[in-house]
Amino acid sequence: CDIKFFEVLLTHNNESRQVNMAQEMFKIMRGWYVQNA
């Protein structure tokens, strides 16, 4: 399926910011050349 699986532990102050979480994860994916997760 050309996919990698991740576990991201959130800090207390960022548990409800869904779009921000995804944007930050997209940056990580780009930095590690991961297209799908």
Full PDB file with SEQRES, HELIX, SHEET, SSBOND, CRYST1, ORIGX, SCALE, CONECT and MASTER records, all heavy atoms in Angstrom:
SEQRES   1 A   37  CYS ASP ILE LYS PHE PHE GLU VAL LEU LEU THR HIS ASN          
SEQRES   2 A   37  ASN GLU SER ARG GLN VAL ASN MET ALA GLN GLU MET PHE          
SEQRES   3 A   37  LYS ILE MET ARG GLY TRP TYR VAL GLN ASN ALA                  
HELIX    1 AA1 HIS A   12  ASN A   14  5                                   3    
HELIX    2 AA2 GLN A   18  GLY A   31  1                                  14    
CRYST1    1.000    1.000    1.000  90.00  90.00  90.00 P 1           1          
ORIGX1      1.000000  0.000000  0.000000        0.00000                         
ORIGX2      0.000000  1.000000  0.000000        0.00000                         
ORIGX3      0.000000  0.000000  1.000000        0.00000                         
SCALE1      1.000000  0.000000  0.000000        0.00000                         
SCALE2      0.000000  1.000000  0.000000        0.00000                         
SCALE3      0.000000  0.000000  1.000000        0.00000                         
ATOM      1  N   CYS A   1       0.803  -1.218   0.000  1.00  0.00           N  
ATOM      2  CA  CYS A   1       0.000   0.000   0.000  1.00  0.00           C  
ATOM      3  C   CYS A   1       0.837   1.269   0.000  1.00  0.00           C  
ATOM      4  O   CYS A   1       0.289   2.371   0.054  1.00  0.00           O  
ATOM      5  CB  CYS A   1      -0.946  -0.002   1.201  1.00  0.00           C  
ATOM      6  SG  CYS A   1      -2.219  -1.271   1.092  1.00  0.00           S  
ATOM      7  N   ASP A   2       2.168   1.128  -0.049  1.00  0.00           N  
ATOM      8  CA  ASP A   2       3.085   2.257  -0.069  1.00  0.00           C  
ATOM      9  C   ASP A   2       2.788   3.226   1.071  1.00  0.00           C  
ATOM     10  O   ASP A   2       2.547   4.420   0.866  1.00  0.00           O  
ATOM     11  CB  ASP A   2       3.015   2.978  -1.419  1.00  0.00           C  
ATOM     12  CG  ASP A   2       4.043   4.090  -1.539  1.00  0.00           C  
ATOM     13  OD1 ASP A   2       5.117   3.985  -0.911  1.00  0.00           O  
ATOM     14  OD2 ASP A   2       3.754   5.092  -2.238  1.00  0.00           O  
ATOM     15  N   ILE A   3       2.776   2.677   2.298  1.00  0.00           N  
ATOM     16  CA  ILE A   3       2.403   3.482   3.448  1.00  0.00           C  
ATOM     17  C   ILE A   3       3.270   3.152   4.657  1.00  0.00           C  
ATOM     18  O   ILE A   3       3.726   2.016   4.802  1.00  0.00           O  
ATOM     19  CB  ILE A   3       0.907   3.297   3.771  1.00  0.00           C  
ATOM     20  CG1 ILE A   3       0.404   4.403   4.669  1.00  0.00           C  
ATOM     21  CG2 ILE A   3       0.608   1.933   4.341  1.00  0.00           C  
ATOM     22  CD1 ILE A   3      -1.059   4.664   4.507  1.00  0.00           C  
ATOM     23  N   LYS A   4       3.493   4.169   5.485  1.00  0.00           N  
ATOM     24  CA  LYS A   4       4.203   3.972   6.748  1.00  0.00           C  
ATOM     25  C   LYS A   4       3.246   4.306   7.877  1.00  0.00           C  
ATOM     26  O   LYS A   4       2.318   5.095   7.713  1.00  0.00           O  
ATOM     27  CB  LYS A   4       5.456   4.838   6.810  1.00  0.00           C  
ATOM     28  CG  LYS A   4       6.483   4.396   5.783  1.00  0.00           C  
ATOM     29  CD  LYS A   4       7.832   4.973   6.031  1.00  0.00           C  
ATOM     30  CE  LYS A   4       8.797   4.407   4.988  1.00  0.00           C  
ATOM     31  NZ  LYS A   4      10.159   4.783   5.237  1.00  0.00           N  
ATOM     32  N   PHE A   5       3.494   3.711   9.041  1.00  0.00           N  
ATOM     33  CA  PHE A   5       2.616   3.855  10.197  1.00  0.00           C  
ATOM     34  C   PHE A   5       3.373   4.568  11.318  1.00  0.00           C  
ATOM     35  O   PHE A   5       4.511   4.205  11.612  1.00  0.00           O  
ATOM     36  CB  PHE A   5       2.150   2.475  10.678  1.00  0.00           C  
ATOM     37  CG  PHE A   5       1.409   1.718   9.620  1.00  0.00           C  
ATOM     38  CD1 PHE A   5       2.104   0.945   8.692  1.00  0.00           C  
ATOM     39  CD2 PHE A   5       0.035   1.782   9.531  1.00  0.00           C  
ATOM     40  CE1 PHE A   5       1.429   0.252   7.707  1.00  0.00           C  
ATOM     41  CE2 PHE A   5      -0.643   1.098   8.546  1.00  0.00           C  
ATOM     42  CZ  PHE A   5       0.045   0.324   7.624  1.00  0.00           C  
ATOM     43  N   PHE A   6       2.717   5.554  11.935  1.00  0.00           N  
ATOM     44  CA  PHE A   6       3.352   6.366  12.957  1.00  0.00           C  
ATOM     45  C   PHE A   6       2.503   6.446  14.215  1.00  0.00           C  
ATOM     46  O   PHE A   6       1.276   6.384  14.161  1.00  0.00           O  
ATOM     47  CB  PHE A   6       3.567   7.803  12.447  1.00  0.00           C  
ATOM     48  CG  PHE A   6       4.588   7.923  11.378  1.00  0.00           C  
ATOM     49  CD1 PHE A   6       4.240   7.791  10.039  1.00  0.00           C  
ATOM     50  CD2 PHE A   6       5.917   8.170  11.700  1.00  0.00           C  
ATOM     51  CE1 PHE A   6       5.188   7.905   9.043  1.00  0.00           C  
ATOM     52  CE2 PHE A   6       6.874   8.288  10.701  1.00  0.00           C  
ATOM     53  CZ  PHE A   6       6.508   8.145   9.366  1.00  0.00           C  
ATOM     54  N   GLU A   7       3.206   6.654  15.318  1.00  0.00           N  
ATOM     55  CA  GLU A   7       2.589   6.998  16.593  1.00  0.00           C  
ATOM     56  C   GLU A   7       3.134   8.370  16.961  1.00  0.00           C  
ATOM     57  O   GLU A   7       4.352   8.564  17.016  1.00  0.00           O  
ATOM     58  CB  GLU A   7       2.989   5.982  17.659  1.00  0.00           C  
ATOM     59  CG  GLU A   7       2.601   6.403  19.060  1.00  0.00           C  
ATOM     60  CD  GLU A   7       3.270   5.549  20.110  1.00  0.00           C  
ATOM     61  OE1 GLU A   7       4.465   5.825  20.417  1.00  0.00           O  
ATOM     62  OE2 GLU A   7       2.625   4.625  20.611  1.00  0.00           O  
ATOM     63  N   VAL A   8       2.231   9.324  17.186  1.00  0.00           N  
ATOM     64  CA  VAL A   8       2.621  10.669  17.595  1.00  0.00           C  
ATOM     65  C   VAL A   8       1.977  10.943  18.948  1.00  0.00           C  
ATOM     66  O   VAL A   8       0.753  10.954  19.065  1.00  0.00           O  
ATOM     67  CB  VAL A   8       2.166  11.732  16.566  1.00  0.00           C  
ATOM     68  CG1 VAL A   8       2.444  13.125  17.083  1.00  0.00           C  
ATOM     69  CG2 VAL A   8       2.845  11.510  15.232  1.00  0.00           C  
ATOM     70  N   LEU A   9       2.806  11.127  19.963  1.00  0.00           N  
ATOM     71  CA  LEU A   9       2.303  11.487  21.288  1.00  0.00           C  
ATOM     72  C   LEU A   9       2.194  13.000  21.360  1.00  0.00           C  
ATOM     73  O   LEU A   9       3.177  13.712  21.130  1.00  0.00           O  
ATOM     74  CB  LEU A   9       3.228  10.955  22.376  1.00  0.00           C  
ATOM     75  CG  LEU A   9       3.367   9.430  22.435  1.00  0.00           C  
ATOM     76  CD1 LEU A   9       4.310   9.021  23.560  1.00  0.00           C  
ATOM     77  CD2 LEU A   9       2.016   8.753  22.595  1.00  0.00           C  
ATOM     78  N   LEU A  10       0.995  13.468  21.658  1.00  0.00           N  
ATOM     79  CA  LEU A  10       0.719  14.905  21.684  1.00  0.00           C  
ATOM     80  C   LEU A  10       1.033  15.501  23.050  1.00  0.00           C  
ATOM     81  O   LEU A  10       0.929  14.816  24.073  1.00  0.00           O  
ATOM     82  CB  LEU A  10      -0.758  15.154  21.366  1.00  0.00           C  
ATOM     83  CG  LEU A  10      -1.253  14.634  20.023  1.00  0.00           C  
ATOM     84  CD1 LEU A  10      -2.761  14.776  19.932  1.00  0.00           C  
ATOM     85  CD2 LEU A  10      -0.576  15.357  18.880  1.00  0.00           C  
ATOM     86  N   THR A  11       1.380  16.763  23.060  1.00  0.00           N  
ATOM     87  CA  THR A  11       1.538  17.469  24.326  1.00  0.00           C  
ATOM     88  C   THR A  11       0.144  17.830  24.839  1.00  0.00           C  
ATOM     89  O   THR A  11      -0.833  17.827  24.079  1.00  0.00           O  
ATOM     90  CB  THR A  11       2.370  18.755  24.140  1.00  0.00           C  
ATOM     91  OG1 THR A  11       1.706  19.596  23.191  1.00  0.00           O  
ATOM     92  CG2 THR A  11       3.773  18.443  23.672  1.00  0.00           C  
ATOM     93  N   HIS A  12       0.043  18.158  26.116  1.00  0.00           N  
ATOM     94  CA  HIS A  12      -1.252  18.501  26.721  1.00  0.00           C  
ATOM     95  C   HIS A  12      -1.935  19.675  26.037  1.00  0.00           C  
ATOM     96  O   HIS A  12      -3.142  19.688  25.889  1.00  0.00           O  
ATOM     97  CB  HIS A  12      -1.081  18.829  28.208  1.00  0.00           C  
ATOM     98  CG  HIS A  12      -0.888  17.624  29.051  1.00  0.00           C  
ATOM     99  ND1 HIS A  12      -1.906  16.759  29.363  1.00  0.00           N  
ATOM    100  CD2 HIS A  12       0.219  17.131  29.650  1.00  0.00           C  
ATOM    101  CE1 HIS A  12      -1.450  15.787  30.122  1.00  0.00           C  
ATOM    102  NE2 HIS A  12      -0.152  15.984  30.310  1.00  0.00           N  
ATOM    103  N   ASN A  13      -1.172  20.643  25.597  1.00  0.00           N  
ATOM    104  CA  ASN A  13      -1.768  21.874  25.069  1.00  0.00           C  
ATOM    105  C   ASN A  13      -2.164  21.795  23.600  1.00  0.00           C  
ATOM    106  O   ASN A  13      -2.672  22.753  23.054  1.00  0.00           O  
ATOM    107  CB  ASN A  13      -0.812  23.061  25.271  1.00  0.00           C  
ATOM    108  CG  ASN A  13       0.510  22.880  24.542  1.00  0.00           C  
ATOM    109  OD1 ASN A  13       0.848  21.778  24.129  1.00  0.00           O  
ATOM    110  ND2 ASN A  13       1.253  23.955  24.402  1.00  0.00           N  
ATOM    111  N   ASN A  14      -1.978  20.665  22.941  1.00  0.00           N  
ATOM    112  CA  ASN A  14      -2.254  20.605  21.501  1.00  0.00           C  
ATOM    113  C   ASN A  14      -3.160  19.445  21.122  1.00  0.00           C  
ATOM    114  O   ASN A  14      -3.175  19.021  19.988  1.00  0.00           O  
ATOM    115  CB  ASN A  14      -0.937  20.508  20.725  1.00  0.00           C  
ATOM    116  CG  ASN A  14      -1.120  20.903  19.288  1.00  0.00           C  
ATOM    117  OD1 ASN A  14      -1.795  21.875  18.994  1.00  0.00           O  
ATOM    118  ND2 ASN A  14      -0.553  20.142  18.388  1.00  0.00           N  
ATOM    119  N   GLU A  15      -3.962  18.947  22.035  1.00  0.00           N  
ATOM    120  CA  GLU A  15      -4.734  17.739  21.766  1.00  0.00           C  
ATOM    121  C   GLU A  15      -5.952  17.954  20.877  1.00  0.00           C  
ATOM    122  O   GLU A  15      -6.481  17.008  20.339  1.00  0.00           O  
ATOM    123  CB  GLU A  15      -5.151  17.097  23.089  1.00  0.00           C  
ATOM    124  CG  GLU A  15      -3.951  16.584  23.851  1.00  0.00           C  
ATOM    125  CD  GLU A  15      -4.325  15.979  25.186  1.00  0.00           C  
ATOM    126  OE1 GLU A  15      -5.488  16.111  25.606  1.00  0.00           O  
ATOM    127  OE2 GLU A  15      -3.438  15.377  25.795  1.00  0.00           O  
ATOM    128  N   SER A  16      -6.415  19.174  20.711  1.00  0.00           N  
ATOM    129  CA  SER A  16      -7.640  19.391  19.950  1.00  0.00           C  
ATOM    130  C   SER A  16      -7.426  20.125  18.631  1.00  0.00           C  
ATOM    131  O   SER A  16      -8.375  20.424  17.940  1.00  0.00           O  
ATOM    132  CB  SER A  16      -8.641  20.172  20.800  1.00  0.00           C  
ATOM    133  OG  SER A  16      -8.112  21.438  21.106  1.00  0.00           O  
ATOM    134  N   ARG A  17      -6.213  20.378  18.267  1.00  0.00           N  
ATOM    135  CA  ARG A  17      -5.926  21.146  17.051  1.00  0.00           C  
ATOM    136  C   ARG A  17      -5.604  20.213  15.889  1.00  0.00           C  
ATOM    137  O   ARG A  17      -4.458  20.054  15.495  1.00  0.00           O  
ATOM    138  CB  ARG A  17      -4.779  22.102  17.310  1.00  0.00           C  
ATOM    139  CG  ARG A  17      -5.140  23.109  18.368  1.00  0.00           C  
ATOM    140  CD  ARG A  17      -4.054  24.106  18.543  1.00  0.00           C  
ATOM    141  NE  ARG A  17      -4.483  25.095  19.511  1.00  0.00           N  
ATOM    142  CZ  ARG A  17      -3.673  25.720  20.315  1.00  0.00           C  
ATOM    143  NH1 ARG A  17      -2.385  25.477  20.263  1.00  0.00           N  
ATOM    144  NH2 ARG A  17      -4.129  26.604  21.161  1.00  0.00           N  
ATOM    145  N   GLN A  18      -6.646  19.626  15.344  1.00  0.00           N  
ATOM    146  CA  GLN A  18      -6.505  18.588  14.334  1.00  0.00           C  
ATOM    147  C   GLN A  18      -5.754  19.041  13.086  1.00  0.00           C  
ATOM    148  O   GLN A  18      -4.849  18.362  12.618  1.00  0.00           O  
ATOM    149  CB  GLN A  18      -7.895  18.084  13.973  1.00  0.00           C  
ATOM    150  CG  GLN A  18      -7.919  16.949  13.015  1.00  0.00           C  
ATOM    151  CD  GLN A  18      -9.339  16.483  12.762  1.00  0.00           C  
ATOM    152  OE1 GLN A  18     -10.251  16.814  13.487  1.00  0.00           O  
ATOM    153  NE2 GLN A  18      -9.512  15.704  11.731  1.00  0.00           N  
ATOM    154  N   VAL A  19      -6.117  20.165  12.540  1.00  0.00           N  
ATOM    155  CA  VAL A  19      -5.471  20.641  11.309  1.00  0.00           C  
ATOM    156  C   VAL A  19      -4.008  20.980  11.575  1.00  0.00           C  
ATOM    157  O   VAL A  19      -3.126  20.639  10.787  1.00  0.00           O  
ATOM    158  CB  VAL A  19      -6.234  21.841  10.704  1.00  0.00           C  
ATOM    159  CG1 VAL A  19      -5.476  22.425   9.527  1.00  0.00           C  
ATOM    160  CG2 VAL A  19      -7.626  21.413  10.271  1.00  0.00           C  
ATOM    161  N   ASN A  20      -3.724  21.625  12.705  1.00  0.00           N  
ATOM    162  CA  ASN A  20      -2.333  21.944  13.047  1.00  0.00           C  
ATOM    163  C   ASN A  20      -1.493  20.680  13.200  1.00  0.00           C  
ATOM    164  O   ASN A  20      -0.331  20.647  12.788  1.00  0.00           O  
ATOM    165  CB  ASN A  20      -2.271  22.762  14.334  1.00  0.00           C  
ATOM    166  CG  ASN A  20      -2.831  24.155  14.161  1.00  0.00           C  
ATOM    167  OD1 ASN A  20      -3.050  24.615  13.051  1.00  0.00           O  
ATOM    168  ND2 ASN A  20      -3.090  24.815  15.267  1.00  0.00           N  
ATOM    169  N   MET A  21      -2.077  19.648  13.824  1.00  0.00           N  
ATOM    170  CA  MET A  21      -1.359  18.383  13.993  1.00  0.00           C  
ATOM    171  C   MET A  21      -0.996  17.807  12.633  1.00  0.00           C  
ATOM    172  O   MET A  21       0.129  17.368  12.409  1.00  0.00           O  
ATOM    173  CB  MET A  21      -2.210  17.373  14.773  1.00  0.00           C  
ATOM    174  CG  MET A  21      -2.458  17.749  16.209  1.00  0.00           C  
ATOM    175  SD  MET A  21      -3.389  16.515  17.161  1.00  0.00           S  
ATOM    176  CE  MET A  21      -4.835  16.204  16.181  1.00  0.00           C  
ATOM    177  N   ALA A  22      -1.960  17.799  11.719  1.00  0.00           N  
ATOM    178  CA  ALA A  22      -1.722  17.241  10.384  1.00  0.00           C  
ATOM    179  C   ALA A  22      -0.674  18.058   9.630  1.00  0.00           C  
ATOM    180  O   ALA A  22       0.214  17.487   9.001  1.00  0.00           O  
ATOM    181  CB  ALA A  22      -3.022  17.181   9.599  1.00  0.00           C  
ATOM    182  N   GLN A  23      -0.766  19.374   9.701  1.00  0.00           N  
ATOM    183  CA  GLN A  23       0.212  20.217   9.005  1.00  0.00           C  
ATOM    184  C   GLN A  23       1.621  19.959   9.514  1.00  0.00           C  
ATOM    185  O   GLN A  23       2.572  19.870   8.735  1.00  0.00           O  
ATOM    186  CB  GLN A  23      -0.154  21.690   9.156  1.00  0.00           C  
ATOM    187  CG  GLN A  23      -1.368  22.083   8.361  1.00  0.00           C  
ATOM    188  CD  GLN A  23      -1.825  23.498   8.660  1.00  0.00           C  
ATOM    189  OE1 GLN A  23      -1.463  24.106   9.660  1.00  0.00           O  
ATOM    190  NE2 GLN A  23      -2.662  24.029   7.775  1.00  0.00           N  
ATOM    191  N   GLU A  24       1.751  19.822  10.825  1.00  0.00           N  
ATOM    192  CA  GLU A  24       3.068  19.559  11.395  1.00  0.00           C  
ATOM    193  C   GLU A  24       3.571  18.182  10.965  1.00  0.00           C  
ATOM    194  O   GLU A  24       4.746  18.005  10.654  1.00  0.00           O  
ATOM    195  CB  GLU A  24       3.009  19.660  12.923  1.00  0.00           C  
ATOM    196  CG  GLU A  24       4.368  19.723  13.544  1.00  0.00           C  
ATOM    197  CD  GLU A  24       4.337  20.258  14.965  1.00  0.00           C  
ATOM    198  OE1 GLU A  24       3.359  20.897  15.385  1.00  0.00           O  
ATOM    199  OE2 GLU A  24       5.339  20.027  15.662  1.00  0.00           O  
ATOM    200  N   MET A  25       2.660  17.211  10.921  1.00  0.00           N  
ATOM    201  CA  MET A  25       3.061  15.868  10.496  1.00  0.00           C  
ATOM    202  C   MET A  25       3.439  15.852   9.015  1.00  0.00           C  
ATOM    203  O   MET A  25       4.370  15.153   8.620  1.00  0.00           O  
ATOM    204  CB  MET A  25       1.951  14.855  10.797  1.00  0.00           C  
ATOM    205  CG  MET A  25       2.365  13.425  10.621  1.00  0.00           C  
ATOM    206  SD  MET A  25       3.702  12.969  11.757  1.00  0.00           S  
ATOM    207  CE  MET A  25       4.287  11.472  10.964  1.00  0.00           C  
ATOM    208  N   PHE A  26       2.745  16.627   8.188  1.00  0.00           N  
ATOM    209  CA  PHE A  26       3.126  16.724   6.773  1.00  0.00           C  
ATOM    210  C   PHE A  26       4.555  17.262   6.637  1.00  0.00           C  
ATOM    211  O   PHE A  26       5.303  16.818   5.772  1.00  0.00           O  
ATOM    212  CB  PHE A  26       2.151  17.608   5.984  1.00  0.00           C  
ATOM    213  CG  PHE A  26       0.913  16.903   5.510  1.00  0.00           C  
ATOM    214  CD1 PHE A  26      -0.343  17.393   5.831  1.00  0.00           C  
ATOM    215  CD2 PHE A  26       0.991  15.755   4.725  1.00  0.00           C  
ATOM    216  CE1 PHE A  26      -1.495  16.751   5.383  1.00  0.00           C  
ATOM    217  CE2 PHE A  26      -0.155  15.111   4.275  1.00  0.00           C  
ATOM    218  CZ  PHE A  26      -1.395  15.616   4.607  1.00  0.00           C  
ATOM    219  N   LYS A  27       4.947  18.209   7.480  1.00  0.00           N  
ATOM    220  CA  LYS A  27       6.326  18.723   7.448  1.00  0.00           C  
ATOM    221  C   LYS A  27       7.321  17.618   7.767  1.00  0.00           C  
ATOM    222  O   LYS A  27       8.363  17.499   7.122  1.00  0.00           O  
ATOM    223  CB  LYS A  27       6.492  19.869   8.454  1.00  0.00           C  
ATOM    224  CG  LYS A  27       5.823  21.143   8.070  1.00  0.00           C  
ATOM    225  CD  LYS A  27       6.025  22.191   9.153  1.00  0.00           C  
ATOM    226  CE  LYS A  27       5.173  23.405   8.908  1.00  0.00           C  
ATOM    227  NZ  LYS A  27       5.253  24.376  10.006  1.00  0.00           N  
ATOM    228  N   ILE A  28       6.997  16.813   8.772  1.00  0.00           N  
ATOM    229  CA  ILE A  28       7.874  15.697   9.145  1.00  0.00           C  
ATOM    230  C   ILE A  28       7.962  14.700   7.994  1.00  0.00           C  
ATOM    231  O   ILE A  28       9.052  14.249   7.628  1.00  0.00           O  
ATOM    232  CB  ILE A  28       7.356  15.001  10.421  1.00  0.00           C  
ATOM    233  CG1 ILE A  28       7.469  15.961  11.604  1.00  0.00           C  
ATOM    234  CG2 ILE A  28       8.110  13.700  10.684  1.00  0.00           C  
ATOM    235  CD1 ILE A  28       6.737  15.497  12.845  1.00  0.00           C  
ATOM    236  N   MET A  29       6.819  14.377   7.405  1.00  0.00           N  
ATOM    237  CA  MET A  29       6.798  13.431   6.285  1.00  0.00           C  
ATOM    238  C   MET A  29       7.653  13.939   5.132  1.00  0.00           C  
ATOM    239  O   MET A  29       8.419  13.181   4.538  1.00  0.00           O  
ATOM    240  CB  MET A  29       5.354  13.188   5.830  1.00  0.00           C  
ATOM    241  CG  MET A  29       4.520  12.401   6.821  1.00  0.00           C  
ATOM    242  SD  MET A  29       2.736  12.425   6.455  1.00  0.00           S  
ATOM    243  CE  MET A  29       2.689  11.703   4.811  1.00  0.00           C  
ATOM    244  N   ARG A  30       7.526  15.220   4.828  1.00  0.00           N  
ATOM    245  CA  ARG A  30       8.305  15.807   3.730  1.00  0.00           C  
ATOM    246  C   ARG A  30       9.797  15.707   4.031  1.00  0.00           C  
ATOM    247  O   ARG A  30      10.598  15.354   3.171  1.00  0.00           O  
ATOM    248  CB  ARG A  30       7.872  17.256   3.508  1.00  0.00           C  
ATOM    249  CG  ARG A  30       8.513  17.917   2.318  1.00  0.00           C  
ATOM    250  CD  ARG A  30       7.953  19.302   2.011  1.00  0.00           C  
ATOM    251  NE  ARG A  30       7.808  20.162   3.174  1.00  0.00           N  
ATOM    252  CZ  ARG A  30       6.636  20.590   3.656  1.00  0.00           C  
ATOM    253  NH1 ARG A  30       5.514  20.253   3.073  1.00  0.00           N  
ATOM    254  NH2 ARG A  30       6.592  21.375   4.723  1.00  0.00           N  
ATOM    255  N   GLY A  31      10.178  15.988   5.269  1.00  0.00           N  
ATOM    256  CA  GLY A  31      11.578  15.932   5.659  1.00  0.00           C  
ATOM    257  C   GLY A  31      12.176  14.536   5.604  1.00  0.00           C  
ATOM    258  O   GLY A  31      13.377  14.366   5.414  1.00  0.00           O  
ATOM    259  N   TRP A  32      11.352  13.518   5.764  1.00  0.00           N  
ATOM    260  CA  TRP A  32      11.827  12.127   5.749  1.00  0.00           C  
ATOM    261  C   TRP A  32      11.395  11.396   4.467  1.00  0.00           C  
ATOM    262  O   TRP A  32      11.476  10.178   4.405  1.00  0.00           O  
ATOM    263  CB  TRP A  32      11.320  11.393   6.984  1.00  0.00           C  
ATOM    264  CG  TRP A  32      12.021  11.853   8.219  1.00  0.00           C  
ATOM    265  CD1 TRP A  32      11.669  12.883   9.036  1.00  0.00           C  
ATOM    266  CD2 TRP A  32      13.227  11.320   8.748  1.00  0.00           C  
ATOM    267  NE1 TRP A  32      12.583  13.016  10.044  1.00  0.00           N  
ATOM    268  CE2 TRP A  32      13.546  12.069   9.899  1.00  0.00           C  
ATOM    269  CE3 TRP A  32      14.068  10.280   8.368  1.00  0.00           C  
ATOM    270  CZ2 TRP A  32      14.677  11.812  10.668  1.00  0.00           C  
ATOM    271  CZ3 TRP A  32      15.182  10.031   9.149  1.00  0.00           C  
ATOM    272  CH2 TRP A  32      15.478  10.788  10.278  1.00  0.00           C  
ATOM    273  N   TYR A  33      10.917  12.149   3.475  1.00  0.00           N  
ATOM    274  CA  TYR A  33      10.543  11.589   2.171  1.00  0.00           C  
ATOM    275  C   TYR A  33       9.479  10.494   2.285  1.00  0.00           C  
ATOM    276  O   TYR A  33       9.544   9.468   1.609  1.00  0.00           O  
ATOM    277  CB  TYR A  33      11.777  11.066   1.415  1.00  0.00           C  
ATOM    278  CG  TYR A  33      12.855  12.099   1.298  1.00  0.00           C  
ATOM    279  CD1 TYR A  33      14.003  12.021   2.076  1.00  0.00           C  
ATOM    280  CD2 TYR A  33      12.715  13.174   0.427  1.00  0.00           C  
ATOM    281  CE1 TYR A  33      14.988  12.988   1.995  1.00  0.00           C  
ATOM    282  CE2 TYR A  33      13.691  14.143   0.340  1.00  0.00           C  
ATOM    283  CZ  TYR A  33      14.823  14.047   1.120  1.00  0.00           C  
ATOM    284  OH  TYR A  33      15.800  15.013   1.034  1.00  0.00           O  
ATOM    285  N   VAL A  34       8.489  10.733   3.123  1.00  0.00           N  
ATOM    286  CA  VAL A  34       7.361   9.817   3.282  1.00  0.00           C  
ATOM    287  C   VAL A  34       6.172  10.450   2.579  1.00  0.00           C  
ATOM    288  O   VAL A  34       5.788  11.569   2.879  1.00  0.00           O  
ATOM    289  CB  VAL A  34       7.034   9.591   4.780  1.00  0.00           C  
ATOM    290  CG1 VAL A  34       5.770   8.762   4.941  1.00  0.00           C  
ATOM    291  CG2 VAL A  34       8.214   8.945   5.492  1.00  0.00           C  
ATOM    292  N   GLN A  35       5.575   9.714   1.628  1.00  0.00           N  
ATOM    293  CA  GLN A  35       4.436  10.258   0.890  1.00  0.00           C  
ATOM    294  C   GLN A  35       3.103   9.927   1.541  1.00  0.00           C  
ATOM    295  O   GLN A  35       2.175  10.721   1.470  1.00  0.00           O  
ATOM    296  CB  GLN A  35       4.434   9.749  -0.544  1.00  0.00           C  
ATOM    297  CG  GLN A  35       5.471  10.391  -1.404  1.00  0.00           C  
ATOM    298  CD  GLN A  35       5.289  10.030  -2.863  1.00  0.00           C  
ATOM    299  OE1 GLN A  35       4.674   9.032  -3.205  1.00  0.00           O  
ATOM    300  NE2 GLN A  35       5.830  10.848  -3.728  1.00  0.00           N  
ATOM    301  N   ASN A  36       2.987   8.742   2.144  1.00  0.00           N  
ATOM    302  CA  ASN A  36       1.706   8.281   2.672  1.00  0.00           C  
ATOM    303  C   ASN A  36       1.906   7.706   4.072  1.00  0.00           C  
ATOM    304  O   ASN A  36       2.838   6.936   4.293  1.00  0.00           O  
ATOM    305  CB  ASN A  36       1.117   7.208   1.761  1.00  0.00           C  
ATOM    306  CG  ASN A  36       1.040   7.656   0.321  1.00  0.00           C  
ATOM    307  OD1 ASN A  36       0.404   8.644   0.004  1.00  0.00           O  
ATOM    308  ND2 ASN A  36       1.710   6.936  -0.554  1.00  0.00           N  
ATOM    309  N   ALA A  37       0.994   8.070   4.973  1.00  0.00           N  
ATOM    310  CA  ALA A  37       1.149   7.600   6.353  1.00  0.00           C  
ATOM    311  C   ALA A  37      -0.207   7.431   7.024  1.00  0.00           C  
ATOM    312  O   ALA A  37      -1.147   8.185   6.746  1.00  0.00           O  
ATOM    313  CB  ALA A  37       1.986   8.585   7.154  1.00  0.00           C  
TER     314      ALA A  37                                                      
MASTER        0    0    0    2    0    0    0    6  313    1    0    3          
END                                                                             
